[in-house]
Amino acid sequence: MADLASLRATVQELQSFSLPSNYETNDDTSTGDDANGRASSDNNNNNPALLFSSPQLLSRYKSSRNAYLQNRTLELFIQTLATYDPTTRTFSMPNNDDDEEEQKKHAESVLNEIKNTLESVNEGVDSVRVKYAGFKEKREELADILEGMERAERQRALVDDNLDEDEDDDDGVEITEEEVAAQEEELESLQQRRQDLEAKLRMVRGQILDVEDDIHGVKQVVNEVRVRMGRKQLDWRRDAASTVGSSEEDGVEYFSVVKDVESEIAEMEEKAMELQQSKEFYDGMRELMEELGGVKIMSTKSTSSPDVQGESNTEEQQQQAEKRQKLHNEEDFVLTVMLLGSHILELVVKTVQLNEDKPKNGLRVMTAKLTTPTTFPVPQSNTTTNENDTSLVETMHSISLSNISFSKIMSQKQTVSIAIPPLDDLVQWSHSLDASQGIRFILVETMARIRTLEARVLELTHLRENYAAQIYDIEECAVDAQFGGAEQEVVCAINEGISVALRLGADCPLVSGSVYISELFGVGGWEEEELDELKALVVERRCKGPVEVMELIVKSIRKKREEEGWKVPLTPRLPLGMF
């Protein structure tokens, strides 16, 4: 009997073993036909889903994928960093002509490797299936043998019991009436006790059924919550088993559930740690790109959010407003961006349908404005420069200019400021571009204007420190102000007796040829041909800023005087203290 019990326990352990789900075939799909009418019985042999249903394989694949993406991102960033221009804070546009062909070849090679790997893995899976089929046959044979042995053992025990009963009948003993009466009384008491115990048992069973109903309802609620959260259901084993089972067997169910929950918690913690590491990596890359590119997204909010509508709205009114907002096909939101580390730009962006035939939506900028100060003051000239004694010379030379320029010079204040023009023209031009390029166009052009005006302030400060100069803006009109702002005019005078009126374009001093001479006059005997030659040199050089123009004129005069014998008219110098 002990040997049979041990053998039965072994067979039960073998019966509990089953092939993992990723090795099993799907009988429902294995006999179907595909779209072309061909049998698809072998489709499962090449089905990657049979392999990726393994949690361990999926975990390894995701880890390898994340590591590859991070290394590839870092490699491409380092390669692109060589093309970074720190002056304009821009990267050169990549050339994707060769990349597409290279990516296509790489995809084909990777696909071939995956196919070869799947073939080798499927061969191993097939061998495991064959071995498992043989194992099942042997297990069934062993179960049949064990059943026959147990049947024979039961028959042998039955024969022995019959023999014992016959012997007991032969050895009968006389029973008196008193003994019979005592046995009847004892039987009645036992029957009464049995009825009481059966009543208690029915009551306990009813309580157990109520508790099991509650437990079953809790199980269903737990599984429904897990399904809504995108997680698999728990394996509640022996849920429909009889309530008469032993307490130890019932405890196995909850121990298995606790193990499943604990393993799931450990898996989720590992996944959360992996996601946190990926988040830190990509956040670092994003912050680095924001620092290099000068564009940092501060916040986004809907135009119908509570802080836009007012604080007096109740919570119910806010919820109703949000529901009404969701009913609209076109939604507006405010995008707040920091440019170049100090300028805040607010963009009101609308979601629009790109094409009536295609349901895909795009983003279009409706308004754009800078919320930070847009005025750059130009510092006054340094009172210790070498050109301060030329103030009288500057005024004398300015008389030779046109009356309009002279009147502007005399009325110009010492403190000059430069303002960034409104961005309405950029918004209007962005509507002619693709929806995906509109925001990028406004950001690039706005940063270009900010960089240009910041560089111009430094340029004009340098100009005032080295030359006698008057800075002012020409009179703005509607035509001048719509293309990035009106041009700016600067009048300079040098000791050689020449006054120069310069006009600074919208891109001065960052673009070559963005400054040109509007008037050039000499006093005290300058020839017209000499002045025209100086002007031609400036035009040919295509200077970026007024400092470069003035340096070129001074150097050219000195060179012409030494090489060609130009005679520079003498102009009297008077100290500033005389006036």
Protein backbone atom coordinates (compact mmCIF):
# COMPACT_ATOMS: atom_id res chain seq x y z
CA MET A 1 0.00 0.00 0.00
CA ALA A 2 2.83 2.41 0.80
CA ASP A 3 4.40 1.72 -2.58
CA LEU A 4 1.08 2.39 -4.34
CA ALA A 5 0.58 5.67 -2.42
CA SER A 6 4.08 6.84 -3.37
CA LEU A 7 3.46 5.86 -6.99
CA ARG A 8 0.09 7.68 -6.97
CA ALA A 9 1.76 10.87 -5.62
CA THR A 10 4.38 10.66 -8.38
CA VAL A 11 1.72 10.26 -11.07
CA GLN A 12 -0.21 13.25 -9.68
CA GLU A 13 2.93 15.38 -9.85
CA LEU A 14 3.44 14.29 -13.45
CA GLN A 15 -0.20 15.10 -14.25
CA SER A 16 0.26 18.65 -12.91
CA PHE A 17 3.09 19.31 -15.39
CA SER A 18 2.02 20.97 -18.64
CA LEU A 19 3.78 22.55 -21.59
CA PRO A 20 4.22 26.36 -21.30
CA SER A 21 1.67 28.39 -23.24
CA ASN A 22 4.28 29.80 -25.63
CA TYR A 23 5.04 26.24 -26.81
CA GLU A 24 1.43 25.29 -27.40
CA THR A 25 -0.31 25.51 -30.78
CA ASN A 26 -3.66 27.15 -31.39
CA ASP A 27 -6.01 24.59 -32.85
CA ASP A 28 -8.53 27.28 -33.81
CA THR A 29 -6.16 29.05 -36.18
CA SER A 30 -4.09 26.10 -37.30
CA THR A 31 -6.81 24.69 -39.54
CA GLY A 32 -7.98 27.95 -41.09
CA ASP A 33 -7.23 29.43 -44.48
CA ASP A 34 -5.58 32.73 -45.23
CA ALA A 35 -6.84 35.43 -47.56
CA ASN A 36 -5.46 33.61 -50.60
CA GLY A 37 -7.19 30.33 -49.81
CA ARG A 38 -4.00 28.53 -48.75
CA ALA A 39 -3.98 26.42 -45.64
CA SER A 40 -2.40 28.11 -42.68
CA SER A 41 -1.64 25.04 -40.60
CA ASP A 42 2.05 25.93 -40.43
CA ASN A 43 1.58 29.59 -39.68
CA ASN A 44 2.07 29.07 -35.98
CA ASN A 45 5.50 27.60 -36.57
CA ASN A 46 6.69 31.01 -37.74
CA ASN A 47 4.51 33.09 -35.45
CA PRO A 48 6.66 35.39 -33.29
CA ALA A 49 3.77 35.77 -30.84
CA LEU A 50 4.50 32.22 -29.61
CA LEU A 51 7.93 33.43 -28.60
CA PHE A 52 7.10 36.90 -27.27
CA SER A 53 4.43 35.53 -24.96
CA SER A 54 7.28 34.58 -22.66
CA PRO A 55 7.68 37.28 -19.96
CA GLN A 56 11.41 36.63 -19.62
CA LEU A 57 11.97 37.03 -23.35
CA LEU A 58 9.85 40.17 -23.44
CA SER A 59 11.79 41.66 -20.53
CA ARG A 60 15.11 40.94 -22.21
CA TYR A 61 13.87 42.38 -25.49
CA LYS A 62 12.64 45.60 -23.88
CA SER A 63 15.86 46.07 -21.95
CA SER A 64 17.93 45.57 -25.09
CA ARG A 65 15.67 47.90 -27.07
CA ASN A 66 15.89 50.68 -24.49
CA ALA A 67 19.66 50.36 -24.25
CA TYR A 68 19.98 50.45 -28.04
CA LEU A 69 17.73 53.50 -28.39
CA GLN A 70 19.62 55.41 -25.71
CA ASN A 71 23.03 54.56 -27.17
CA ARG A 72 21.84 55.39 -30.69
CA THR A 73 20.34 58.70 -29.54
CA LEU A 74 23.56 59.65 -27.76
CA GLU A 75 25.65 58.65 -30.79
CA LEU A 76 23.55 60.71 -33.21
CA PHE A 77 23.59 63.67 -30.83
CA ILE A 78 27.39 63.60 -30.60
CA GLN A 79 27.64 63.40 -34.40
CA THR A 80 25.23 66.31 -34.84
CA LEU A 81 26.99 68.36 -32.16
CA ALA A 82 29.89 68.95 -34.58
CA THR A 83 27.53 71.02 -36.78
CA TYR A 84 26.31 73.22 -33.90
CA ASP A 85 26.73 76.97 -34.38
CA PRO A 86 27.02 78.64 -30.93
CA THR A 87 26.41 82.09 -32.41
CA THR A 88 22.98 81.30 -33.83
CA ARG A 89 22.31 78.33 -31.55
CA THR A 90 21.26 76.17 -34.46
CA PHE A 91 22.18 72.80 -35.94
CA SER A 92 22.61 72.21 -39.63
CA MET A 93 19.72 70.47 -41.34
CA PRO A 94 20.50 66.75 -41.78
CA ASN A 95 20.72 65.19 -45.22
CA ASN A 96 18.39 62.20 -45.20
CA ASP A 97 18.98 61.06 -48.78
CA ASP A 98 21.65 58.52 -47.86
CA ASP A 99 20.10 57.69 -44.50
CA GLU A 100 16.94 56.24 -46.03
CA GLU A 101 18.90 53.79 -48.17
CA GLU A 102 21.13 52.87 -45.25
CA GLN A 103 18.13 52.35 -42.97
CA LYS A 104 16.47 50.20 -45.61
CA LYS A 105 19.54 47.95 -45.90
CA HIS A 106 19.86 47.81 -42.13
CA ALA A 107 16.18 46.87 -41.77
CA GLU A 108 16.58 44.06 -44.32
CA SER A 109 19.64 42.66 -42.56
CA VAL A 110 17.92 42.82 -39.17
CA LEU A 111 14.83 41.14 -40.61
CA ASN A 112 16.95 38.32 -42.04
CA GLU A 113 18.66 37.84 -38.69
CA ILE A 114 15.29 37.74 -36.95
CA LYS A 115 13.98 35.17 -39.43
CA ASN A 116 17.06 32.99 -38.96
CA THR A 117 16.72 33.26 -35.20
CA LEU A 118 13.03 32.38 -35.39
CA GLU A 119 13.79 29.34 -37.52
CA SER A 120 16.40 28.06 -35.08
CA VAL A 121 14.13 28.75 -32.10
CA ASN A 122 11.17 27.11 -33.81
CA GLU A 123 13.26 24.01 -34.47
CA GLY A 124 13.99 23.83 -30.76
CA VAL A 125 10.32 24.41 -29.97
CA ASP A 126 9.31 21.60 -32.34
CA SER A 127 11.75 19.21 -30.67
CA VAL A 128 10.32 20.16 -27.26
CA ARG A 129 6.81 19.52 -28.55
CA VAL A 130 7.80 16.09 -29.85
CA LYS A 131 9.42 15.19 -26.54
CA TYR A 132 6.37 16.45 -24.66
CA ALA A 133 4.07 14.31 -26.82
CA GLY A 134 6.18 11.24 -25.96
CA PHE A 135 6.12 12.25 -22.31
CA LYS A 136 2.30 12.45 -22.38
CA GLU A 137 2.06 8.94 -23.87
CA LYS A 138 4.35 7.51 -21.20
CA ARG A 139 2.42 9.37 -18.51
CA GLU A 140 -0.90 7.92 -19.73
CA GLU A 141 0.58 4.43 -19.82
CA LEU A 142 1.87 4.85 -16.27
CA ALA A 143 -1.54 6.09 -15.11
CA ASP A 144 -3.24 3.04 -16.70
CA ILE A 145 -0.77 0.68 -15.03
CA LEU A 146 -1.30 2.37 -11.66
CA GLU A 147 -5.07 2.18 -12.06
CA GLY A 148 -4.85 -1.56 -12.79
CA MET A 149 -2.65 -2.13 -9.77
CA GLU A 150 -5.05 -0.22 -7.53
CA ARG A 151 -8.03 -2.15 -8.94
CA ALA A 152 -6.30 -5.46 -8.20
CA GLU A 153 -5.44 -4.26 -4.69
CA ARG A 154 -9.05 -3.32 -4.04
CA GLN A 155 -10.30 -6.72 -5.24
CA ARG A 156 -7.81 -8.50 -3.01
CA ALA A 157 -8.88 -6.42 -0.02
CA LEU A 158 -12.56 -7.16 -0.77
CA VAL A 159 -11.91 -10.90 -0.80
CA ASP A 160 -10.11 -10.66 2.52
CA ASP A 161 -13.03 -8.73 4.05
CA ASN A 162 -15.53 -11.38 2.93
CA LEU A 163 -13.45 -14.09 4.50
CA ASP A 164 -13.28 -12.16 7.76
CA GLU A 165 -17.08 -11.67 7.80
CA ASP A 166 -17.64 -15.38 7.32
CA GLU A 167 -15.37 -16.13 10.22
CA ASP A 168 -17.20 -13.59 12.38
CA ASP A 169 -20.56 -15.16 11.55
CA ASP A 170 -19.28 -18.56 12.61
CA ASP A 171 -18.03 -17.17 15.94
CA GLY A 172 -21.43 -15.63 17.01
CA VAL A 173 -22.11 -14.90 20.73
CA GLU A 174 -25.53 -14.95 22.54
CA ILE A 175 -26.86 -11.45 23.43
CA THR A 176 -29.30 -10.98 26.36
CA GLU A 177 -32.42 -8.74 26.39
CA GLU A 178 -30.82 -6.30 28.81
CA GLU A 179 -27.87 -5.78 26.50
CA VAL A 180 -30.24 -5.26 23.57
CA ALA A 181 -32.21 -2.60 25.51
CA ALA A 182 -28.99 -0.81 26.50
CA GLN A 183 -27.77 -0.83 22.93
CA GLU A 184 -31.11 0.58 21.73
CA GLU A 185 -30.91 3.43 24.26
CA GLU A 186 -27.35 4.18 23.20
CA LEU A 187 -28.44 4.07 19.56
CA GLU A 188 -31.25 6.57 20.22
CA SER A 189 -28.84 8.96 21.96
CA LEU A 190 -26.39 8.64 19.09
CA GLN A 191 -29.16 9.31 16.57
CA GLN A 192 -30.25 12.41 18.53
CA ARG A 193 -26.66 13.61 18.69
CA ARG A 194 -26.35 12.97 14.97
CA GLN A 195 -29.43 15.12 14.26
CA ASP A 196 -28.02 17.95 16.38
CA LEU A 197 -24.68 17.76 14.63
CA GLU A 198 -26.36 17.69 11.21
CA ALA A 199 -28.32 20.84 12.12
CA LYS A 200 -25.13 22.58 13.21
CA LEU A 201 -23.42 21.37 10.05
CA ARG A 202 -26.20 22.79 7.87
CA MET A 203 -25.92 26.13 9.67
CA VAL A 204 -22.14 26.20 9.27
CA ARG A 205 -22.44 25.23 5.60
CA GLY A 206 -24.90 28.08 5.07
CA GLN A 207 -22.47 30.50 6.65
CA ILE A 208 -19.67 29.11 4.51
CA LEU A 209 -21.77 29.52 1.38
CA ASP A 210 -22.49 33.16 2.30
CA VAL A 211 -18.80 33.81 2.90
CA GLU A 212 -17.86 32.09 -0.36
CA ASP A 213 -20.40 34.22 -2.24
CA ASP A 214 -18.84 37.34 -0.73
CA ILE A 215 -15.35 36.10 -1.58
CA HIS A 216 -16.42 35.27 -5.13
CA GLY A 217 -17.88 38.75 -5.54
CA VAL A 218 -14.68 40.32 -4.22
CA LYS A 219 -12.66 38.20 -6.66
CA GLN A 220 -14.77 39.40 -9.57
CA VAL A 221 -14.42 43.03 -8.48
CA VAL A 222 -10.65 42.65 -8.12
CA ASN A 223 -10.33 41.10 -11.58
CA GLU A 224 -12.55 43.77 -13.15
CA VAL A 225 -10.43 46.52 -11.60
CA ARG A 226 -7.25 44.84 -12.82
CA VAL A 227 -8.64 44.50 -16.36
CA ARG A 228 -9.58 48.19 -16.43
CA MET A 229 -6.05 49.02 -15.30
CA GLY A 230 -4.62 46.97 -18.17
CA ARG A 231 -3.31 44.13 -15.99
CA LYS A 232 -4.02 40.42 -16.23
CA GLN A 233 -6.53 38.69 -13.98
CA LEU A 234 -5.40 36.75 -10.94
CA ASP A 235 -5.51 32.95 -11.09
CA TRP A 236 -8.13 32.10 -8.45
CA ARG A 237 -7.75 28.32 -8.45
CA ARG A 238 -10.44 25.96 -7.11
CA ASP A 239 -12.88 28.86 -7.02
CA ALA A 240 -15.84 26.59 -7.82
CA ALA A 241 -14.69 23.71 -5.61
CA SER A 242 -16.89 22.17 -2.96
CA THR A 243 -17.04 23.82 0.42
CA VAL A 244 -16.20 20.57 2.16
CA GLY A 245 -12.52 20.79 1.24
CA SER A 246 -9.90 20.85 3.93
CA SER A 247 -8.58 24.13 5.29
CA GLU A 248 -5.06 23.35 4.13
CA GLU A 249 -6.18 22.85 0.52
CA ASP A 250 -8.24 26.05 0.63
CA GLY A 251 -5.22 27.97 1.89
CA VAL A 252 -3.19 26.97 -1.17
CA GLU A 253 -5.46 29.15 -3.31
CA TYR A 254 -4.72 32.30 -1.36
CA PHE A 255 -1.03 31.54 -1.02
CA SER A 256 -0.80 31.26 -4.81
CA VAL A 257 -2.68 34.55 -5.24
CA VAL A 258 -0.38 36.28 -2.76
CA LYS A 259 2.63 34.95 -4.67
CA ASP A 260 1.16 36.19 -7.95
CA VAL A 261 0.53 39.64 -6.47
CA GLU A 262 4.01 39.80 -4.94
CA SER A 263 5.64 38.75 -8.21
CA GLU A 264 3.55 41.32 -10.06
CA ILE A 265 4.55 44.03 -7.58
CA ALA A 266 8.22 43.13 -8.03
CA GLU A 267 7.78 43.19 -11.82
CA MET A 268 6.05 46.58 -11.69
CA GLU A 269 8.76 47.99 -9.41
CA GLU A 270 11.42 46.78 -11.82
CA LYS A 271 9.50 48.28 -14.74
CA ALA A 272 9.03 51.56 -12.85
CA MET A 273 12.76 51.71 -12.13
CA GLU A 274 13.52 51.06 -15.79
CA LEU A 275 11.06 53.75 -16.88
CA GLN A 276 12.53 56.16 -14.33
CA GLN A 277 16.02 55.58 -15.72
CA SER A 278 14.76 56.10 -19.28
CA LYS A 279 12.94 59.26 -18.17
CA GLU A 280 16.09 60.66 -16.55
CA PHE A 281 18.12 59.92 -19.69
CA TYR A 282 15.68 61.52 -22.12
CA ASP A 283 15.02 64.45 -19.76
CA GLY A 284 18.75 65.08 -19.68
CA MET A 285 18.92 64.96 -23.48
CA ARG A 286 15.92 67.30 -23.73
CA GLU A 287 17.41 69.79 -21.27
CA LEU A 288 20.70 69.69 -23.16
CA MET A 289 18.93 70.33 -26.47
CA GLU A 290 16.94 73.16 -24.88
CA GLU A 291 20.15 74.72 -23.57
CA LEU A 292 21.89 74.43 -26.93
CA GLY A 293 18.90 75.45 -29.03
CA GLY A 294 17.73 78.24 -26.74
CA VAL A 295 14.12 76.99 -26.71
CA LYS A 296 12.54 75.66 -23.51
CA ILE A 297 8.86 74.80 -23.13
CA MET A 298 7.63 76.30 -19.87
CA SER A 299 3.96 75.29 -19.84
CA THR A 300 0.87 74.51 -21.88
CA LYS A 301 -2.70 75.28 -20.90
CA SER A 302 -6.09 75.37 -22.53
CA THR A 303 -7.67 78.72 -23.24
CA SER A 304 -10.82 77.45 -21.49
CA SER A 305 -9.00 76.42 -18.30
CA PRO A 306 -10.31 77.76 -14.96
CA ASP A 307 -7.47 80.25 -14.55
CA VAL A 308 -8.41 81.78 -17.90
CA GLN A 309 -12.15 81.87 -17.23
CA GLY A 310 -11.85 83.22 -13.69
CA GLU A 311 -11.78 81.94 -10.14
CA SER A 312 -15.45 82.64 -9.40
CA ASN A 313 -16.67 79.57 -11.28
CA THR A 314 -17.77 76.66 -9.15
CA GLU A 315 -16.38 73.18 -9.64
CA GLU A 316 -19.57 72.04 -11.36
CA GLN A 317 -19.46 74.99 -13.78
CA GLN A 318 -15.83 74.25 -14.56
CA GLN A 319 -16.67 70.62 -15.34
CA GLN A 320 -19.50 71.71 -17.62
CA ALA A 321 -17.19 74.16 -19.37
CA GLU A 322 -14.63 71.43 -19.92
CA LYS A 323 -17.31 69.15 -21.38
CA ARG A 324 -18.45 71.92 -23.73
CA GLN A 325 -14.86 72.50 -24.76
CA LYS A 326 -14.42 68.82 -25.65
CA LEU A 327 -17.41 69.01 -27.97
CA HIS A 328 -15.62 71.47 -30.24
CA ASN A 329 -13.54 70.04 -33.06
CA GLU A 330 -11.06 72.91 -32.88
CA GLU A 331 -9.38 73.49 -29.52
CA ASP A 332 -7.09 76.37 -28.56
CA PHE A 333 -4.26 76.19 -26.07
CA VAL A 334 -1.51 78.54 -24.94
CA LEU A 335 2.09 77.41 -25.37
CA THR A 336 4.60 79.31 -23.21
CA VAL A 337 8.23 79.09 -24.36
CA MET A 338 11.44 80.59 -23.00
CA LEU A 339 13.81 81.80 -25.73
CA LEU A 340 17.54 82.29 -25.24
CA GLY A 341 17.25 81.90 -21.48
CA SER A 342 15.44 85.18 -20.72
CA HIS A 343 12.64 85.99 -23.20
CA ILE A 344 9.15 84.53 -22.66
CA LEU A 345 7.05 83.92 -25.79
CA GLU A 346 3.35 83.04 -25.62
CA LEU A 347 1.77 81.30 -28.60
CA VAL A 348 -1.97 80.72 -28.97
CA VAL A 349 -2.19 77.52 -31.00
CA LYS A 350 -5.30 76.04 -32.57
CA THR A 351 -5.89 72.45 -33.64
CA VAL A 352 -7.09 72.50 -37.24
CA GLN A 353 -7.88 69.86 -39.82
CA LEU A 354 -5.16 69.73 -42.45
CA ASN A 355 -7.23 68.21 -45.22
CA GLU A 356 -10.93 67.57 -45.63
CA ASP A 357 -10.23 64.13 -47.09
CA LYS A 358 -7.88 63.11 -44.28
CA PRO A 359 -8.96 63.27 -40.62
CA LYS A 360 -5.42 64.08 -39.44
CA ASN A 361 -5.15 67.33 -37.47
CA GLY A 362 -2.35 69.87 -37.29
CA LEU A 363 -1.38 72.91 -35.23
CA ARG A 364 -1.64 76.51 -36.42
CA VAL A 365 -0.40 79.59 -34.55
CA MET A 366 -3.09 82.24 -34.15
CA THR A 367 -1.23 84.87 -32.08
CA ALA A 368 2.32 85.31 -30.80
CA LYS A 369 3.67 87.87 -28.36
CA LEU A 370 6.66 88.41 -26.11
CA THR A 371 5.63 88.94 -22.49
CA THR A 372 9.08 90.02 -21.30
CA PRO A 373 10.44 93.54 -22.00
CA THR A 374 11.19 94.01 -25.68
CA THR A 375 13.18 97.26 -25.44
CA PHE A 376 16.99 97.30 -25.40
CA PRO A 377 18.56 100.61 -24.26
CA VAL A 378 21.74 101.68 -26.04
CA PRO A 379 24.33 102.95 -23.49
CA GLN A 380 25.63 106.50 -23.83
CA SER A 381 29.07 107.13 -25.21
CA ASN A 382 31.97 106.95 -22.79
CA THR A 383 33.17 110.43 -21.77
CA THR A 384 36.82 109.28 -21.68
CA THR A 385 37.15 108.24 -25.33
CA ASN A 386 39.57 109.82 -27.73
CA GLU A 387 36.78 111.02 -29.98
CA ASN A 388 35.10 113.29 -27.43
CA ASP A 389 37.02 116.29 -28.72
CA THR A 390 35.39 115.78 -32.11
CA SER A 391 31.90 116.81 -31.00
CA LEU A 392 32.34 120.14 -32.79
CA VAL A 393 33.74 118.33 -35.81
CA GLU A 394 30.70 116.06 -35.82
CA THR A 395 28.32 119.01 -35.79
CA MET A 396 30.24 120.81 -38.52
CA HIS A 397 30.24 117.75 -40.72
CA SER A 398 26.55 117.14 -40.13
CA ILE A 399 25.78 120.55 -41.63
CA SER A 400 26.93 119.17 -44.95
CA LEU A 401 24.26 116.45 -44.79
CA SER A 402 20.68 116.92 -45.87
CA ASN A 403 18.46 119.16 -43.80
CA ILE A 404 16.30 116.21 -42.71
CA SER A 405 19.28 114.23 -41.35
CA PHE A 406 20.68 117.31 -39.62
CA SER A 407 17.36 118.11 -37.96
CA LYS A 408 17.10 114.55 -36.69
CA ILE A 409 20.61 114.69 -35.29
CA MET A 410 19.96 117.93 -33.43
CA SER A 411 16.70 116.62 -31.96
CA GLN A 412 18.04 113.17 -31.08
CA LYS A 413 18.25 112.31 -27.38
CA GLN A 414 21.40 110.89 -25.85
CA THR A 415 19.58 107.78 -24.62
CA VAL A 416 18.42 105.57 -27.48
CA SER A 417 16.42 102.36 -27.18
CA ILE A 418 15.75 99.57 -29.66
CA ALA A 419 12.47 97.65 -29.49
CA ILE A 420 11.59 94.25 -30.92
CA PRO A 421 8.75 94.80 -33.40
CA PRO A 422 5.45 92.90 -33.04
CA LEU A 423 5.34 89.34 -34.33
CA ASP A 424 2.10 89.68 -36.29
CA ASP A 425 3.91 89.45 -39.63
CA LEU A 426 5.53 86.15 -38.60
CA VAL A 427 2.14 84.73 -37.60
CA GLN A 428 0.67 85.75 -40.95
CA TRP A 429 3.54 84.19 -42.90
CA SER A 430 3.35 80.97 -40.87
CA HIS A 431 -0.16 80.35 -42.22
CA SER A 432 1.29 79.81 -45.69
CA LEU A 433 3.48 76.96 -44.40
CA ASP A 434 2.60 73.43 -43.43
CA ALA A 435 0.97 73.17 -40.02
CA SER A 436 3.95 71.22 -38.71
CA GLN A 437 6.38 74.00 -39.75
CA GLY A 438 4.47 77.06 -38.50
CA ILE A 439 5.58 76.92 -34.86
CA ARG A 440 9.17 76.18 -35.84
CA PHE A 441 9.22 79.13 -38.26
CA ILE A 442 7.97 81.58 -35.62
CA LEU A 443 10.45 80.33 -33.01
CA VAL A 444 13.42 80.54 -35.39
CA GLU A 445 12.52 84.00 -36.70
CA THR A 446 11.76 85.39 -33.23
CA MET A 447 15.11 84.18 -31.90
CA ALA A 448 16.79 85.68 -34.97
CA ARG A 449 15.22 89.07 -34.23
CA ILE A 450 16.22 88.91 -30.57
CA ARG A 451 19.79 87.91 -31.41
CA THR A 452 19.99 90.61 -34.07
CA LEU A 453 18.85 93.41 -31.75
CA GLU A 454 21.05 92.21 -28.89
CA ALA A 455 24.04 92.16 -31.23
CA ARG A 456 23.06 95.60 -32.56
CA VAL A 457 23.06 97.08 -29.06
CA LEU A 458 26.60 95.81 -28.55
CA GLU A 459 27.58 97.05 -32.00
CA LEU A 460 26.21 100.55 -31.41
CA THR A 461 27.83 100.69 -27.97
CA HIS A 462 31.16 99.82 -29.56
CA LEU A 463 30.53 102.44 -32.26
CA ARG A 464 29.89 105.19 -29.70
CA GLU A 465 33.01 104.24 -27.76
CA ASN A 466 35.27 104.62 -30.81
CA TYR A 467 33.62 107.25 -33.03
CA ALA A 468 31.52 110.37 -32.77
CA ALA A 469 28.09 109.02 -33.62
CA GLN A 470 24.45 109.97 -33.40
CA ILE A 471 21.94 107.09 -33.35
CA TYR A 472 18.25 107.41 -34.07
CA ASP A 473 15.42 105.62 -35.86
CA ILE A 474 13.95 106.82 -39.10
CA GLU A 475 10.30 107.77 -39.10
CA GLU A 476 8.26 104.58 -39.08
CA CYS A 477 5.36 104.09 -41.42
CA ALA A 478 3.05 101.19 -42.07
CA VAL A 479 5.20 99.87 -44.91
CA ASP A 480 8.46 100.10 -42.98
CA ALA A 481 7.14 98.50 -39.81
CA GLN A 482 5.59 95.36 -41.28
CA PHE A 483 8.75 93.49 -42.30
CA GLY A 484 10.53 92.98 -38.99
CA GLY A 485 10.55 96.64 -38.03
CA ALA A 486 11.80 99.87 -39.59
CA GLU A 487 15.43 100.37 -40.52
CA GLN A 488 17.70 102.38 -38.24
CA GLU A 489 19.91 105.33 -39.19
CA VAL A 490 23.31 106.22 -37.73
CA VAL A 491 25.42 109.31 -38.49
CA CYS A 492 29.18 109.19 -37.80
CA ALA A 493 31.98 111.74 -38.16
CA ILE A 494 35.74 111.12 -38.26
CA ASN A 495 38.69 113.48 -37.83
CA GLU A 496 39.56 113.23 -41.51
CA GLY A 497 36.66 115.57 -42.23
CA ILE A 498 34.09 113.04 -43.46
CA SER A 499 30.52 112.56 -42.29
CA VAL A 500 28.76 109.25 -43.02
CA ALA A 501 25.04 108.52 -42.76
CA LEU A 502 24.48 104.76 -42.46
CA ARG A 503 21.28 102.80 -42.67
CA LEU A 504 21.07 99.54 -40.71
CA GLY A 505 18.87 96.85 -42.16
CA ALA A 506 16.71 94.46 -40.15
CA ASP A 507 19.51 91.83 -40.05
CA CYS A 508 22.34 94.18 -39.06
CA PRO A 509 24.95 93.31 -37.73
CA LEU A 510 24.63 89.52 -38.25
CA VAL A 511 24.28 89.37 -42.05
CA SER A 512 26.79 90.62 -44.59
CA GLY A 513 25.61 93.62 -46.61
CA SER A 514 22.94 94.55 -44.06
CA VAL A 515 24.43 98.07 -43.62
CA TYR A 516 24.89 100.58 -46.43
CA ILE A 517 25.80 104.23 -46.89
CA SER A 518 22.90 106.57 -47.56
CA GLU A 519 24.99 109.81 -47.53
CA LEU A 520 28.74 110.48 -47.57
CA PHE A 521 30.11 114.06 -47.44
CA GLY A 522 33.53 115.56 -46.92
CA VAL A 523 34.39 119.11 -45.79
CA GLY A 524 37.50 121.19 -46.23
CA GLY A 525 38.45 120.18 -49.75
CA TRP A 526 37.55 116.53 -50.34
CA GLU A 527 37.17 115.58 -54.00
CA GLU A 528 33.95 113.96 -55.15
CA GLU A 529 35.87 111.17 -56.91
CA GLU A 530 37.67 110.25 -53.70
CA LEU A 531 34.42 110.05 -51.77
CA ASP A 532 32.85 107.89 -54.49
CA GLU A 533 35.86 105.57 -54.35
CA LEU A 534 35.48 105.18 -50.59
CA LYS A 535 31.79 104.47 -51.01
CA ALA A 536 32.50 101.85 -53.67
CA LEU A 537 34.96 100.10 -51.34
CA VAL A 538 32.28 99.86 -48.65
CA VAL A 539 29.72 98.48 -51.11
CA GLU A 540 32.21 95.92 -52.42
CA ARG A 541 33.18 94.72 -48.94
CA ARG A 542 29.54 94.03 -47.89
CA CYS A 543 30.07 94.95 -44.27
CA LYS A 544 27.94 93.55 -41.45
CA GLY A 545 27.87 96.53 -39.07
CA PRO A 546 28.64 100.26 -38.80
CA VAL A 547 31.88 99.66 -36.85
CA GLU A 548 33.24 97.62 -39.73
CA VAL A 549 32.23 100.36 -42.19
CA MET A 550 33.94 103.13 -40.21
CA GLU A 551 37.10 101.05 -39.68
CA LEU A 552 37.21 100.31 -43.41
CA ILE A 553 36.87 104.03 -44.29
CA VAL A 554 39.61 105.09 -41.83
CA LYS A 555 42.02 102.36 -42.96
CA SER A 556 41.32 103.07 -46.64
CA ILE A 557 42.02 106.81 -46.17
CA ARG A 558 45.33 106.08 -44.42
CA LYS A 559 46.30 103.55 -47.08
CA LYS A 560 45.41 105.92 -49.93
CA ARG A 561 47.33 108.71 -48.25
CA GLU A 562 50.48 106.57 -47.97
CA GLU A 563 50.28 104.81 -51.34
CA GLU A 564 48.52 107.26 -53.65
CA GLY A 565 49.32 110.55 -51.93
CA TRP A 566 45.83 111.62 -50.94
CA LYS A 567 45.75 114.95 -49.13
CA VAL A 568 43.49 114.90 -46.11
CA PRO A 569 41.95 118.35 -45.34
CA LEU A 570 42.86 119.64 -41.91
CA THR A 571 39.97 120.30 -39.55
CA PRO A 572 40.41 122.37 -36.37
CA ARG A 573 40.03 120.55 -33.06
CA LEU A 574 38.56 122.36 -30.12
CA PRO A 575 38.23 120.97 -26.59
CA LEU A 576 34.77 120.27 -25.25
CA GLY A 577 35.29 122.55 -22.25
CA MET A 578 35.12 125.69 -24.44
CA PHE A 579 31.38 125.36 -24.83
